[in-house]
Amino acid sequence: MSHQLGRSTWEFSKVRILASAVSVGPKEGRGPLAKDFDIIHDDLHIGQDTWEKAERKLFEEALDLAVQKAGLKKDQIDLLIAGDLLTQIISASFTARYAQIPYLGVYGACSTSMESLALAASLVEGGYANYVVSGCSSHNATAERQYRYPTEYGGQKPPYAQWTVTGAGVAVVGKGLIGPKVRYATIGKIIDMGLKDPFDMGSAMAPAAVDTIEQHFIDTGRRPEDYDLIVTGDLAGVGYPLAKKMLLERGFDLSSVYNDCGLMIYYSDQEVFAGGSGCASSASVTYGHIMKELHKKTLNKVLVVATGALLSPVTYQQGESIPCIAHAVAIENEEE
């Protein structure tokens, strides 16, 4: 029976990730995790006439493939829980229009991957759905157009900026006998340190990741050594060492198990500034690379901490600071 642990953590006993799929763009397909992605496109347009349609196509492909890999049809899926970075979460909503699956749209910026997975697991565990698809997407050119400057403009960025991952990651969640279990979900709270630089996402989000990881350990009684891998979503080269230092100061040494999806998805010489960011950073690494490692049992217990910066162009232009959040989900193989 599921129940709440401590302040912020939900425990599950019956929920598994039955299948997952990832579709990515060309830069991701040249990175170190390329072999773990299902679909790789060699063109950012993905055969579409707008960047937004291209992102939507990634999402549709990943959804179709994940459902197929689960041995299901779309009319057997009870619910789609999804989001993205764009205004009114149009990538998720238009994908739901395409899929014709009952739909709940969610927005957690780059934390959406684990927010949607946590909600999917809760509904399956509670008996409100048999099969739920959770997922999210991002596209470098759509995010740049919305949050900064269109890519065609050629605006320069500081070295601590990050590169939005082009991709979509989707999981099919349900009860069954196969697939890694969703064991815990720790829901984060807003942490705002007063930072206002929209290029420096890593520094802004690191404290939120630290807060959620610490709360997860407090609620569950677990320690870093209980996991084979603890991974944040997109702190990249600036936020990753900052989070590691802050956790050490709080008594948690993650040095042997900690990594960041924004650092894992690209090679350092791929001209991605400080590393990857975006909804698809954690979704692509988790539903591609990490799921495959779990199936091979080279990893058995993983804590995925998806990080999100909840700013908008409007709030930035009005001089607001950047509120951040992180949601953590523990995914693990059944103990033999």
C-alpha atoms as a PDB file:
ATOM      1  CA  MET A   1       0.000   0.000   0.000  1.00  0.00           C
ATOM      2  CA  SER A   2       1.385   3.412  -0.937  1.00  0.00           C
ATOM      3  CA  HIS A   3       1.787   6.086   1.690  1.00  0.00           C
ATOM      4  CA  GLN A   4       3.592   9.282   2.491  1.00  0.00           C
ATOM      5  CA  LEU A   5       6.928   9.239   4.265  1.00  0.00           C
ATOM      6  CA  GLY A   6       7.993  12.276   6.255  1.00  0.00           C
ATOM      7  CA  ARG A   7       7.506  15.716   4.806  1.00  0.00           C
ATOM      8  CA  SER A   8       7.571  15.189   1.062  1.00  0.00           C
ATOM      9  CA  THR A   9       8.049  11.587  -0.097  1.00  0.00           C
ATOM     10  CA  TRP A  10       5.577   9.108  -1.547  1.00  0.00           C
ATOM     11  CA  GLU A  11       6.317   5.381  -1.360  1.00  0.00           C
ATOM     12  CA  PHE A  12       5.024   2.963  -3.994  1.00  0.00           C
ATOM     13  CA  SER A  13       4.826  -0.834  -3.981  1.00  0.00           C
ATOM     14  CA  LYS A  14       3.126  -1.832  -7.234  1.00  0.00           C
ATOM     15  CA  VAL A  15       4.294   0.547  -9.962  1.00  0.00           C
ATOM     16  CA  ARG A  16       6.727  -0.269 -12.734  1.00  0.00           C
ATOM     17  CA  ILE A  17       8.078   1.437 -15.821  1.00  0.00           C
ATOM     18  CA  LEU A  18       6.879  -1.053 -18.414  1.00  0.00           C
ATOM     19  CA  ALA A  19       8.655   0.578 -21.346  1.00  0.00           C
ATOM     20  CA  SER A  20      10.270   3.834 -22.402  1.00  0.00           C
ATOM     21  CA  ALA A  21      11.453   5.525 -25.578  1.00  0.00           C
ATOM     22  CA  VAL A  22      13.566   8.510 -26.586  1.00  0.00           C
ATOM     23  CA  SER A  23      13.788  10.523 -29.796  1.00  0.00           C
ATOM     24  CA  VAL A  24      16.585  13.103 -30.142  1.00  0.00           C
ATOM     25  CA  GLY A  25      18.201  15.579 -32.497  1.00  0.00           C
ATOM     26  CA  PRO A  26      21.578  15.519 -34.283  1.00  0.00           C
ATOM     27  CA  LYS A  27      23.829  16.917 -31.551  1.00  0.00           C
ATOM     28  CA  GLU A  28      22.487  14.425 -29.025  1.00  0.00           C
ATOM     29  CA  GLY A  29      22.966  11.686 -31.598  1.00  0.00           C
ATOM     30  CA  ARG A  30      26.673  12.508 -31.748  1.00  0.00           C
ATOM     31  CA  GLY A  31      27.088  12.443 -27.972  1.00  0.00           C
ATOM     32  CA  PRO A  32      28.367   9.684 -25.667  1.00  0.00           C
ATOM     33  CA  LEU A  33      24.899   8.202 -25.036  1.00  0.00           C
ATOM     34  CA  ALA A  34      23.853   7.928 -28.692  1.00  0.00           C
ATOM     35  CA  LYS A  35      23.598   4.120 -28.588  1.00  0.00           C
ATOM     36  CA  ASP A  36      20.953   4.396 -25.863  1.00  0.00           C
ATOM     37  CA  PHE A  37      18.526   6.542 -27.870  1.00  0.00           C
ATOM     38  CA  ASP A  38      15.802   4.914 -29.958  1.00  0.00           C
ATOM     39  CA  ILE A  39      15.437   7.502 -32.719  1.00  0.00           C
ATOM     40  CA  ILE A  40      18.123   9.971 -33.833  1.00  0.00           C
ATOM     41  CA  HIS A  41      17.430  12.706 -36.377  1.00  0.00           C
ATOM     42  CA  ASP A  42      20.185  14.253 -38.484  1.00  0.00           C
ATOM     43  CA  ASP A  43      18.333  17.543 -38.970  1.00  0.00           C
ATOM     44  CA  LEU A  44      16.898  19.896 -36.341  1.00  0.00           C
ATOM     45  CA  HIS A  45      13.858  20.539 -38.556  1.00  0.00           C
ATOM     46  CA  ILE A  46      12.868  16.856 -38.418  1.00  0.00           C
ATOM     47  CA  GLY A  47      11.025  17.256 -41.699  1.00  0.00           C
ATOM     48  CA  GLN A  48       8.807  20.037 -40.363  1.00  0.00           C
ATOM     49  CA  ASP A  49       8.396  23.668 -41.407  1.00  0.00           C
ATOM     50  CA  THR A  50       8.642  25.189 -37.900  1.00  0.00           C
ATOM     51  CA  TRP A  51      10.786  24.464 -34.864  1.00  0.00           C
ATOM     52  CA  GLU A  52       7.678  23.981 -32.738  1.00  0.00           C
ATOM     53  CA  LYS A  53       6.303  21.330 -35.098  1.00  0.00           C
ATOM     54  CA  ALA A  54       9.703  19.642 -35.002  1.00  0.00           C
ATOM     55  CA  GLU A  55       9.584  19.385 -31.209  1.00  0.00           C
ATOM     56  CA  ARG A  56       6.064  18.023 -31.393  1.00  0.00           C
ATOM     57  CA  LYS A  57       7.197  15.367 -33.886  1.00  0.00           C
ATOM     58  CA  LEU A  58       9.883  14.180 -31.449  1.00  0.00           C
ATOM     59  CA  PHE A  59       7.251  13.817 -28.743  1.00  0.00           C
ATOM     60  CA  GLU A  60       4.822  11.943 -30.987  1.00  0.00           C
ATOM     61  CA  GLU A  61       7.530   9.509 -32.102  1.00  0.00           C
ATOM     62  CA  ALA A  62       8.684   8.768 -28.564  1.00  0.00           C
ATOM     63  CA  LEU A  63       5.112   8.247 -27.370  1.00  0.00           C
ATOM     64  CA  ASP A  64       4.223   5.881 -30.208  1.00  0.00           C
ATOM     65  CA  LEU A  65       7.366   3.820 -29.735  1.00  0.00           C
ATOM     66  CA  ALA A  66       7.074   3.566 -25.942  1.00  0.00           C
ATOM     67  CA  VAL A  67       3.479   2.342 -26.185  1.00  0.00           C
ATOM     68  CA  GLN A  68       4.497  -0.157 -28.859  1.00  0.00           C
ATOM     69  CA  LYS A  69       7.427  -1.429 -26.754  1.00  0.00           C
ATOM     70  CA  ALA A  70       5.015  -1.960 -23.849  1.00  0.00           C
ATOM     71  CA  GLY A  71       2.926  -4.243 -26.065  1.00  0.00           C
ATOM     72  CA  LEU A  72      -0.038  -1.886 -25.868  1.00  0.00           C
ATOM     73  CA  LYS A  73      -2.148   0.276 -28.160  1.00  0.00           C
ATOM     74  CA  LYS A  74      -2.876   3.933 -27.533  1.00  0.00           C
ATOM     75  CA  ASP A  75      -6.541   3.239 -26.772  1.00  0.00           C
ATOM     76  CA  GLN A  76      -5.387   1.081 -23.830  1.00  0.00           C
ATOM     77  CA  ILE A  77      -3.574   4.018 -22.217  1.00  0.00           C
ATOM     78  CA  ASP A  78      -5.782   5.637 -19.593  1.00  0.00           C
ATOM     79  CA  LEU A  79      -3.916   8.908 -19.250  1.00  0.00           C
ATOM     80  CA  LEU A  80      -1.117  11.004 -20.686  1.00  0.00           C
ATOM     81  CA  ILE A  81       0.689  13.268 -18.197  1.00  0.00           C
ATOM     82  CA  ALA A  82       3.104  15.524 -20.037  1.00  0.00           C
ATOM     83  CA  GLY A  83       4.648  18.954 -20.367  1.00  0.00           C
ATOM     84  CA  ASP A  84       7.363  20.988 -22.040  1.00  0.00           C
ATOM     85  CA  LEU A  85       9.026  24.397 -21.855  1.00  0.00           C
ATOM     86  CA  LEU A  86       6.898  26.353 -24.290  1.00  0.00           C
ATOM     87  CA  THR A  87       4.139  28.792 -23.434  1.00  0.00           C
ATOM     88  CA  GLN A  88       0.878  26.936 -22.702  1.00  0.00           C
ATOM     89  CA  ILE A  89       2.865  23.647 -22.964  1.00  0.00           C
ATOM     90  CA  ILE A  90       1.922  23.427 -26.642  1.00  0.00           C
ATOM     91  CA  SER A  91       4.214  20.507 -27.478  1.00  0.00           C
ATOM     92  CA  ALA A  92       2.519  18.279 -24.903  1.00  0.00           C
ATOM     93  CA  SER A  93      -0.989  19.497 -25.694  1.00  0.00           C
ATOM     94  CA  PHE A  94      -0.667  19.076 -29.448  1.00  0.00           C
ATOM     95  CA  THR A  95       0.875  15.632 -28.897  1.00  0.00           C
ATOM     96  CA  ALA A  96      -2.171  14.760 -26.781  1.00  0.00           C
ATOM     97  CA  ARG A  97      -4.377  15.945 -29.645  1.00  0.00           C
ATOM     98  CA  TYR A  98      -2.485  13.590 -31.946  1.00  0.00           C
ATOM     99  CA  ALA A  99      -2.571  10.636 -29.532  1.00  0.00           C
ATOM    100  CA  GLN A 100      -6.232  10.992 -28.477  1.00  0.00           C
ATOM    101  CA  ILE A 101      -5.414   9.881 -24.928  1.00  0.00           C
ATOM    102  CA  PRO A 102      -7.054  11.567 -21.909  1.00  0.00           C
ATOM    103  CA  TYR A 103      -4.574  14.230 -20.903  1.00  0.00           C
ATOM    104  CA  LEU A 104      -3.247  16.151 -17.922  1.00  0.00           C
ATOM    105  CA  GLY A 105      -0.775  18.860 -18.837  1.00  0.00           C
ATOM    106  CA  VAL A 106       1.873  19.761 -16.246  1.00  0.00           C
ATOM    107  CA  TYR A 107       4.556  22.419 -16.075  1.00  0.00           C
ATOM    108  CA  GLY A 108       7.659  22.143 -13.945  1.00  0.00           C
ATOM    109  CA  ALA A 109      10.138  23.597 -16.447  1.00  0.00           C
ATOM    110  CA  CYS A 110      13.036  21.130 -16.655  1.00  0.00           C
ATOM    111  CA  SER A 111      11.740  19.206 -13.618  1.00  0.00           C
ATOM    112  CA  THR A 112       8.735  18.059 -15.668  1.00  0.00           C
ATOM    113  CA  SER A 113      10.180  14.617 -16.422  1.00  0.00           C
ATOM    114  CA  MET A 114      10.061  13.475 -12.796  1.00  0.00           C
ATOM    115  CA  GLU A 115       6.985  15.534 -11.899  1.00  0.00           C
ATOM    116  CA  SER A 116       5.000  13.687 -14.566  1.00  0.00           C
ATOM    117  CA  LEU A 117       6.481  10.309 -13.560  1.00  0.00           C
ATOM    118  CA  ALA A 118       5.638  10.879  -9.882  1.00  0.00           C
ATOM    119  CA  LEU A 119       2.042  11.768 -10.730  1.00  0.00           C
ATOM    120  CA  ALA A 120       1.729   8.800 -13.099  1.00  0.00           C
ATOM    121  CA  ALA A 121       2.991   6.417 -10.414  1.00  0.00           C
ATOM    122  CA  SER A 122       0.560   7.862  -7.860  1.00  0.00           C
ATOM    123  CA  LEU A 123      -2.472   7.353 -10.081  1.00  0.00           C
ATOM    124  CA  VAL A 124      -1.475   3.807 -11.008  1.00  0.00           C
ATOM    125  CA  GLU A 125      -0.696   2.864  -7.398  1.00  0.00           C
ATOM    126  CA  GLY A 126      -3.993   4.346  -6.233  1.00  0.00           C
ATOM    127  CA  GLY A 127      -5.988   2.367  -8.777  1.00  0.00           C
ATOM    128  CA  TYR A 128      -7.168   5.367 -10.764  1.00  0.00           C
ATOM    129  CA  ALA A 129      -5.445   4.173 -13.949  1.00  0.00           C
ATOM    130  CA  ASN A 130      -4.003   0.945 -15.306  1.00  0.00           C
ATOM    131  CA  TYR A 131      -1.565   2.470 -17.771  1.00  0.00           C
ATOM    132  CA  VAL A 132      -0.266   6.031 -17.816  1.00  0.00           C
ATOM    133  CA  VAL A 133       2.203   7.597 -20.225  1.00  0.00           C
ATOM    134  CA  SER A 134       4.428  10.295 -18.734  1.00  0.00           C
ATOM    135  CA  GLY A 135       6.876  12.392 -20.695  1.00  0.00           C
ATOM    136  CA  CYS A 136       8.237  15.723 -21.815  1.00  0.00           C
ATOM    137  CA  SER A 137      10.194  17.388 -24.598  1.00  0.00           C
ATOM    138  CA  SER A 138      12.405  20.330 -25.468  1.00  0.00           C
ATOM    139  CA  HIS A 139      14.071  21.648 -28.617  1.00  0.00           C
ATOM    140  CA  ASN A 140      17.071  23.931 -28.756  1.00  0.00           C
ATOM    141  CA  ALA A 141      15.580  26.309 -31.317  1.00  0.00           C
ATOM    142  CA  THR A 142      12.135  26.584 -29.685  1.00  0.00           C
ATOM    143  CA  ALA A 143      13.608  27.303 -26.247  1.00  0.00           C
ATOM    144  CA  GLU A 144      16.057  29.868 -27.637  1.00  0.00           C
ATOM    145  CA  ARG A 145      13.291  31.675 -29.481  1.00  0.00           C
ATOM    146  CA  GLN A 146      11.123  31.852 -26.361  1.00  0.00           C
ATOM    147  CA  TYR A 147      13.631  32.560 -23.611  1.00  0.00           C
ATOM    148  CA  ARG A 148      16.500  34.371 -25.337  1.00  0.00           C
ATOM    149  CA  TYR A 149      16.993  35.133 -29.032  1.00  0.00           C
ATOM    150  CA  PRO A 150      16.039  33.099 -32.109  1.00  0.00           C
ATOM    151  CA  THR A 151      18.981  30.945 -33.215  1.00  0.00           C
ATOM    152  CA  GLU A 152      19.010  32.795 -36.542  1.00  0.00           C
ATOM    153  CA  TYR A 153      19.913  35.985 -34.670  1.00  0.00           C
ATOM    154  CA  GLY A 154      23.291  34.574 -33.661  1.00  0.00           C
ATOM    155  CA  GLY A 155      23.387  36.203 -30.222  1.00  0.00           C
ATOM    156  CA  GLN A 156      26.458  35.464 -28.139  1.00  0.00           C
ATOM    157  CA  LYS A 157      26.295  33.628 -24.815  1.00  0.00           C
ATOM    158  CA  PRO A 158      28.536  33.548 -21.758  1.00  0.00           C
ATOM    159  CA  PRO A 159      30.510  30.325 -21.131  1.00  0.00           C
ATOM    160  CA  TYR A 160      28.357  29.431 -18.123  1.00  0.00           C
ATOM    161  CA  ALA A 161      25.202  29.267 -20.275  1.00  0.00           C
ATOM    162  CA  GLN A 162      23.772  25.878 -21.248  1.00  0.00           C
ATOM    163  CA  TRP A 163      22.602  24.167 -24.431  1.00  0.00           C
ATOM    164  CA  THR A 164      18.944  23.104 -24.530  1.00  0.00           C
ATOM    165  CA  VAL A 165      18.672  19.421 -25.404  1.00  0.00           C
ATOM    166  CA  THR A 166      16.611  18.579 -28.487  1.00  0.00           C
ATOM    167  CA  GLY A 167      14.621  15.469 -27.681  1.00  0.00           C
ATOM    168  CA  ALA A 168      11.617  13.804 -26.092  1.00  0.00           C
ATOM    169  CA  GLY A 169      11.488  11.050 -23.497  1.00  0.00           C
ATOM    170  CA  VAL A 170       8.432   8.995 -22.628  1.00  0.00           C
ATOM    171  CA  ALA A 171       7.663   6.202 -20.134  1.00  0.00           C
ATOM    172  CA  VAL A 172       4.727   3.815 -19.906  1.00  0.00           C
ATOM    173  CA  VAL A 173       3.816   3.298 -16.247  1.00  0.00           C
ATOM    174  CA  GLY A 174       1.653   0.494 -14.948  1.00  0.00           C
ATOM    175  CA  LYS A 175       1.379  -2.567 -12.747  1.00  0.00           C
ATOM    176  CA  GLY A 176       3.084  -5.667 -14.024  1.00  0.00           C
ATOM    177  CA  LEU A 177       5.796  -8.249 -13.549  1.00  0.00           C
ATOM    178  CA  ILE A 178       8.509  -6.718 -15.702  1.00  0.00           C
ATOM    179  CA  GLY A 179      10.392  -3.459 -15.668  1.00  0.00           C
ATOM    180  CA  PRO A 180      12.097  -1.437 -12.940  1.00  0.00           C
ATOM    181  CA  LYS A 181       9.947  -0.316 -10.034  1.00  0.00           C
ATOM    182  CA  VAL A 182       9.133   3.265  -9.154  1.00  0.00           C
ATOM    183  CA  ARG A 183       9.869   3.090  -5.413  1.00  0.00           C
ATOM    184  CA  TYR A 184       9.814   6.666  -4.122  1.00  0.00           C
ATOM    185  CA  ALA A 185       8.954  10.166  -5.305  1.00  0.00           C
ATOM    186  CA  THR A 186      10.154  13.164  -3.302  1.00  0.00           C
ATOM    187  CA  ILE A 187       8.299  16.341  -4.250  1.00  0.00           C
ATOM    188  CA  GLY A 188      10.385  19.475  -4.052  1.00  0.00           C
ATOM    189  CA  LYS A 189       9.517  22.951  -2.873  1.00  0.00           C
ATOM    190  CA  ILE A 190      10.446  26.290  -4.406  1.00  0.00           C
ATOM    191  CA  ILE A 191      13.942  27.483  -3.543  1.00  0.00           C
ATOM    192  CA  ASP A 192      14.862  31.010  -4.674  1.00  0.00           C
ATOM    193  CA  MET A 193      18.295  32.358  -3.798  1.00  0.00           C
ATOM    194  CA  GLY A 194      17.644  35.711  -5.453  1.00  0.00           C
ATOM    195  CA  LEU A 195      19.676  35.044  -8.613  1.00  0.00           C
ATOM    196  CA  LYS A 196      18.547  36.943 -11.699  1.00  0.00           C
ATOM    197  CA  ASP A 197      20.862  35.896 -14.554  1.00  0.00           C
ATOM    198  CA  PRO A 198      18.728  33.827 -16.991  1.00  0.00           C
ATOM    199  CA  PHE A 199      21.861  32.329 -18.532  1.00  0.00           C
ATOM    200  CA  ASP A 200      23.125  30.922 -15.228  1.00  0.00           C
ATOM    201  CA  MET A 201      20.572  28.182 -14.660  1.00  0.00           C
ATOM    202  CA  GLY A 202      23.038  25.876 -12.938  1.00  0.00           C
ATOM    203  CA  SER A 203      23.736  28.201 -10.009  1.00  0.00           C
ATOM    204  CA  ALA A 204      20.036  29.004  -9.622  1.00  0.00           C
ATOM    205  CA  MET A 205      18.839  25.376  -9.608  1.00  0.00           C
ATOM    206  CA  ALA A 206      21.593  23.745  -7.525  1.00  0.00           C
ATOM    207  CA  PRO A 207      20.114  24.766  -4.123  1.00  0.00           C
ATOM    208  CA  ALA A 208      16.733  23.302  -5.100  1.00  0.00           C
ATOM    209  CA  ALA A 209      18.377  20.005  -6.041  1.00  0.00           C
ATOM    210  CA  VAL A 210      20.256  19.948  -2.748  1.00  0.00           C
ATOM    211  CA  ASP A 211      17.093  20.647  -0.760  1.00  0.00           C
ATOM    212  CA  THR A 212      15.157  17.821  -2.438  1.00  0.00           C
ATOM    213  CA  ILE A 213      18.011  15.303  -2.158  1.00  0.00           C
ATOM    214  CA  GLU A 214      18.436  16.080   1.535  1.00  0.00           C
ATOM    215  CA  GLN A 215      14.685  15.785   2.112  1.00  0.00           C
ATOM    216  CA  HIS A 216      14.681  12.445   0.299  1.00  0.00           C
ATOM    217  CA  PHE A 217      17.347  11.090   2.629  1.00  0.00           C
ATOM    218  CA  ILE A 218      15.523  12.425   5.707  1.00  0.00           C
ATOM    219  CA  ASP A 219      12.146  10.991   4.638  1.00  0.00           C
ATOM    220  CA  THR A 220      13.359   7.561   3.525  1.00  0.00           C
ATOM    221  CA  GLY A 221      16.269   7.005   5.884  1.00  0.00           C
ATOM    222  CA  ARG A 222      18.463   6.232   2.918  1.00  0.00           C
ATOM    223  CA  ARG A 223      22.029   7.425   2.360  1.00  0.00           C
ATOM    224  CA  PRO A 224      24.015   8.130  -0.819  1.00  0.00           C
ATOM    225  CA  GLU A 225      25.616   4.684  -0.667  1.00  0.00           C
ATOM    226  CA  ASP A 226      22.171   3.068  -1.033  1.00  0.00           C
ATOM    227  CA  TYR A 227      22.172   4.150  -4.678  1.00  0.00           C
ATOM    228  CA  ASP A 228      24.290   3.079  -7.629  1.00  0.00           C
ATOM    229  CA  LEU A 229      23.652   6.457  -9.244  1.00  0.00           C
ATOM    230  CA  ILE A 230      22.188   9.776  -8.134  1.00  0.00           C
ATOM    231  CA  VAL A 231      21.720  12.078 -11.085  1.00  0.00           C
ATOM    232  CA  THR A 232      20.471  15.651 -11.373  1.00  0.00           C
ATOM    233  CA  GLY A 233      18.664  16.850 -14.479  1.00  0.00           C
ATOM    234  CA  ASP A 234      20.592  19.786 -15.866  1.00  0.00           C
ATOM    235  CA  LEU A 235      22.881  21.548 -13.408  1.00  0.00           C
ATOM    236  CA  ALA A 236      25.752  21.054 -15.868  1.00  0.00           C
ATOM    237  CA  GLY A 237      29.286  22.344 -15.379  1.00  0.00           C
ATOM    238  CA  VAL A 238      28.424  25.252 -13.071  1.00  0.00           C
ATOM    239  CA  GLY A 239      25.661  23.837 -10.872  1.00  0.00           C
ATOM    240  CA  TYR A 240      26.970  20.273 -10.549  1.00  0.00           C
ATOM    241  CA  PRO A 241      30.080  21.052  -8.465  1.00  0.00           C
ATOM    242  CA  LEU A 242      28.095  23.618  -6.493  1.00  0.00           C
ATOM    243  CA  ALA A 243      25.449  21.037  -5.556  1.00  0.00           C
ATOM    244  CA  LYS A 244      28.085  18.457  -4.646  1.00  0.00           C
ATOM    245  CA  LYS A 245      29.822  20.972  -2.366  1.00  0.00           C
ATOM    246  CA  MET A 246      26.565  22.039  -0.696  1.00  0.00           C
ATOM    247  CA  LEU A 247      25.546  18.422  -0.059  1.00  0.00           C
ATOM    248  CA  LEU A 248      28.932  17.645   1.464  1.00  0.00           C
ATOM    249  CA  GLU A 249      28.515  20.601   3.807  1.00  0.00           C
ATOM    250  CA  ARG A 250      25.196  19.044   4.919  1.00  0.00           C
ATOM    251  CA  GLY A 251      26.849  15.707   5.634  1.00  0.00           C
ATOM    252  CA  PHE A 252      26.108  13.862   2.390  1.00  0.00           C
ATOM    253  CA  ASP A 253      29.113  12.726   0.348  1.00  0.00           C
ATOM    254  CA  LEU A 254      27.836  11.897  -3.130  1.00  0.00           C
ATOM    255  CA  SER A 255      31.238  11.880  -4.826  1.00  0.00           C
ATOM    256  CA  SER A 256      31.175   8.175  -5.745  1.00  0.00           C
ATOM    257  CA  VAL A 257      27.613   8.045  -7.133  1.00  0.00           C
ATOM    258  CA  TYR A 258      26.685  11.541  -8.361  1.00  0.00           C
ATOM    259  CA  ASN A 259      26.436  12.708 -11.966  1.00  0.00           C
ATOM    260  CA  ASP A 260      24.366  15.176 -13.981  1.00  0.00           C
ATOM    261  CA  CYS A 261      22.347  14.495 -17.138  1.00  0.00           C
ATOM    262  CA  GLY A 262      23.483  17.796 -18.648  1.00  0.00           C
ATOM    263  CA  LEU A 263      27.084  16.582 -18.429  1.00  0.00           C
ATOM    264  CA  MET A 264      26.360  12.997 -19.506  1.00  0.00           C
ATOM    265  CA  ILE A 265      24.512  13.712 -22.748  1.00  0.00           C
ATOM    266  CA  TYR A 266      27.271  15.641 -24.580  1.00  0.00           C
ATOM    267  CA  TYR A 267      31.010  15.396 -25.075  1.00  0.00           C
ATOM    268  CA  SER A 268      32.914  18.364 -23.659  1.00  0.00           C
ATOM    269  CA  ASP A 269      34.095  19.400 -27.151  1.00  0.00           C
ATOM    270  CA  GLN A 270      30.577  19.621 -28.649  1.00  0.00           C
ATOM    271  CA  GLU A 271      30.351  23.406 -28.101  1.00  0.00           C
ATOM    272  CA  VAL A 272      27.520  23.201 -25.578  1.00  0.00           C
ATOM    273  CA  PHE A 273      28.923  25.840 -23.185  1.00  0.00           C
ATOM    274  CA  ALA A 274      28.516  24.491 -19.611  1.00  0.00           C
ATOM    275  CA  GLY A 275      26.452  21.469 -20.747  1.00  0.00           C
ATOM    276  CA  GLY A 276      22.920  20.395 -21.501  1.00  0.00           C
ATOM    277  CA  SER A 277      19.630  21.752 -20.168  1.00  0.00           C
ATOM    278  CA  GLY A 278      15.935  21.546 -20.952  1.00  0.00           C
ATOM    279  CA  CYS A 279      13.134  19.074 -20.223  1.00  0.00           C
ATOM    280  CA  ALA A 280      14.711  16.528 -22.537  1.00  0.00           C
ATOM    281  CA  SER A 281      18.023  16.533 -20.668  1.00  0.00           C
ATOM    282  CA  SER A 282      16.786  14.386 -17.778  1.00  0.00           C
ATOM    283  CA  ALA A 283      14.073  12.664 -19.849  1.00  0.00           C
ATOM    284  CA  SER A 284      16.441  11.498 -22.599  1.00  0.00           C
ATOM    285  CA  VAL A 285      19.145  10.297 -20.214  1.00  0.00           C
ATOM    286  CA  THR A 286      16.671   8.595 -17.861  1.00  0.00           C
ATOM    287  CA  TYR A 287      14.343   6.955 -20.385  1.00  0.00           C
ATOM    288  CA  GLY A 288      17.208   6.058 -22.700  1.00  0.00           C
ATOM    289  CA  HIS A 289      20.551   5.431 -20.994  1.00  0.00           C
ATOM    290  CA  ILE A 290      19.492   4.804 -17.367  1.00  0.00           C
ATOM    291  CA  MET A 291      16.604   2.502 -18.270  1.00  0.00           C
ATOM    292  CA  LYS A 292      18.899   0.393 -20.436  1.00  0.00           C
ATOM    293  CA  GLU A 293      21.456   0.152 -17.637  1.00  0.00           C
ATOM    294  CA  LEU A 294      18.697  -0.908 -15.226  1.00  0.00           C
ATOM    295  CA  HIS A 295      17.546  -3.607 -17.630  1.00  0.00           C
ATOM    296  CA  LYS A 296      21.145  -4.858 -17.938  1.00  0.00           C
ATOM    297  CA  LYS A 297      21.470  -4.664 -14.115  1.00  0.00           C
ATOM    298  CA  THR A 298      24.658  -2.632 -14.377  1.00  0.00           C
ATOM    299  CA  LEU A 299      22.576  -0.204 -12.314  1.00  0.00           C
ATOM    300  CA  ASN A 300      20.011  -1.416  -9.785  1.00  0.00           C
ATOM    301  CA  LYS A 301      19.043   1.636  -7.727  1.00  0.00           C
ATOM    302  CA  VAL A 302      18.922   5.106  -9.245  1.00  0.00           C
ATOM    303  CA  LEU A 303      17.671   8.426  -7.878  1.00  0.00           C
ATOM    304  CA  VAL A 304      16.769  10.858 -10.655  1.00  0.00           C
ATOM    305  CA  VAL A 305      16.482  14.457  -9.455  1.00  0.00           C
ATOM    306  CA  ALA A 306      14.984  16.582 -12.233  1.00  0.00           C
ATOM    307  CA  THR A 307      15.735  20.285 -11.773  1.00  0.00           C
ATOM    308  CA  GLY A 308      13.670  23.207 -13.039  1.00  0.00           C
ATOM    309  CA  ALA A 309      13.933  27.007 -13.212  1.00  0.00           C
ATOM    310  CA  LEU A 310      10.436  28.499 -13.051  1.00  0.00           C
ATOM    311  CA  LEU A 311      11.117  31.848 -14.679  1.00  0.00           C
ATOM    312  CA  SER A 312       9.547  33.304 -17.807  1.00  0.00           C
ATOM    313  CA  PRO A 313      10.560  36.090 -20.204  1.00  0.00           C
ATOM    314  CA  VAL A 314       7.937  38.282 -18.529  1.00  0.00           C
ATOM    315  CA  THR A 315       9.206  37.814 -14.968  1.00  0.00           C
ATOM    316  CA  TYR A 316      12.829  38.231 -16.068  1.00  0.00           C
ATOM    317  CA  GLN A 317      12.017  41.500 -17.832  1.00  0.00           C
ATOM    318  CA  GLN A 318      10.203  42.703 -14.709  1.00  0.00           C
ATOM    319  CA  GLY A 319      13.333  42.163 -12.632  1.00  0.00           C
ATOM    320  CA  GLU A 320      12.144  39.091 -10.734  1.00  0.00           C
ATOM    321  CA  SER A 321      14.578  36.505  -9.406  1.00  0.00           C
ATOM    322  CA  ILE A 322      14.483  32.861 -10.536  1.00  0.00           C
ATOM    323  CA  PRO A 323      12.385  30.440  -8.440  1.00  0.00           C
ATOM    324  CA  CYS A 324      13.629  26.859  -8.792  1.00  0.00           C
ATOM    325  CA  ILE A 325      12.404  23.382  -7.921  1.00  0.00           C
ATOM    326  CA  ALA A 326      13.559  19.763  -8.082  1.00  0.00           C
ATOM    327  CA  HIS A 327      11.578  16.529  -7.960  1.00  0.00           C
ATOM    328  CA  ALA A 328      13.268  13.195  -7.231  1.00  0.00           C
ATOM    329  CA  VAL A 329      12.130   9.706  -8.214  1.00  0.00           C
ATOM    330  CA  ALA A 330      13.829   6.477  -7.105  1.00  0.00           C
ATOM    331  CA  ILE A 331      13.754   3.815  -9.840  1.00  0.00           C
ATOM    332  CA  GLU A 332      15.103   0.395  -8.988  1.00  0.00           C
ATOM    333  CA  ASN A 333      15.210  -3.263  -9.860  1.00  0.00           C
ATOM    334  CA  GLU A 334      13.441  -5.724  -7.628  1.00  0.00           C
ATOM    335  CA  GLU A 335      15.821  -7.222  -5.097  1.00  0.00           C
ATOM    336  CA  GLU A 336      16.561 -10.862  -5.784  1.00  0.00           C
END
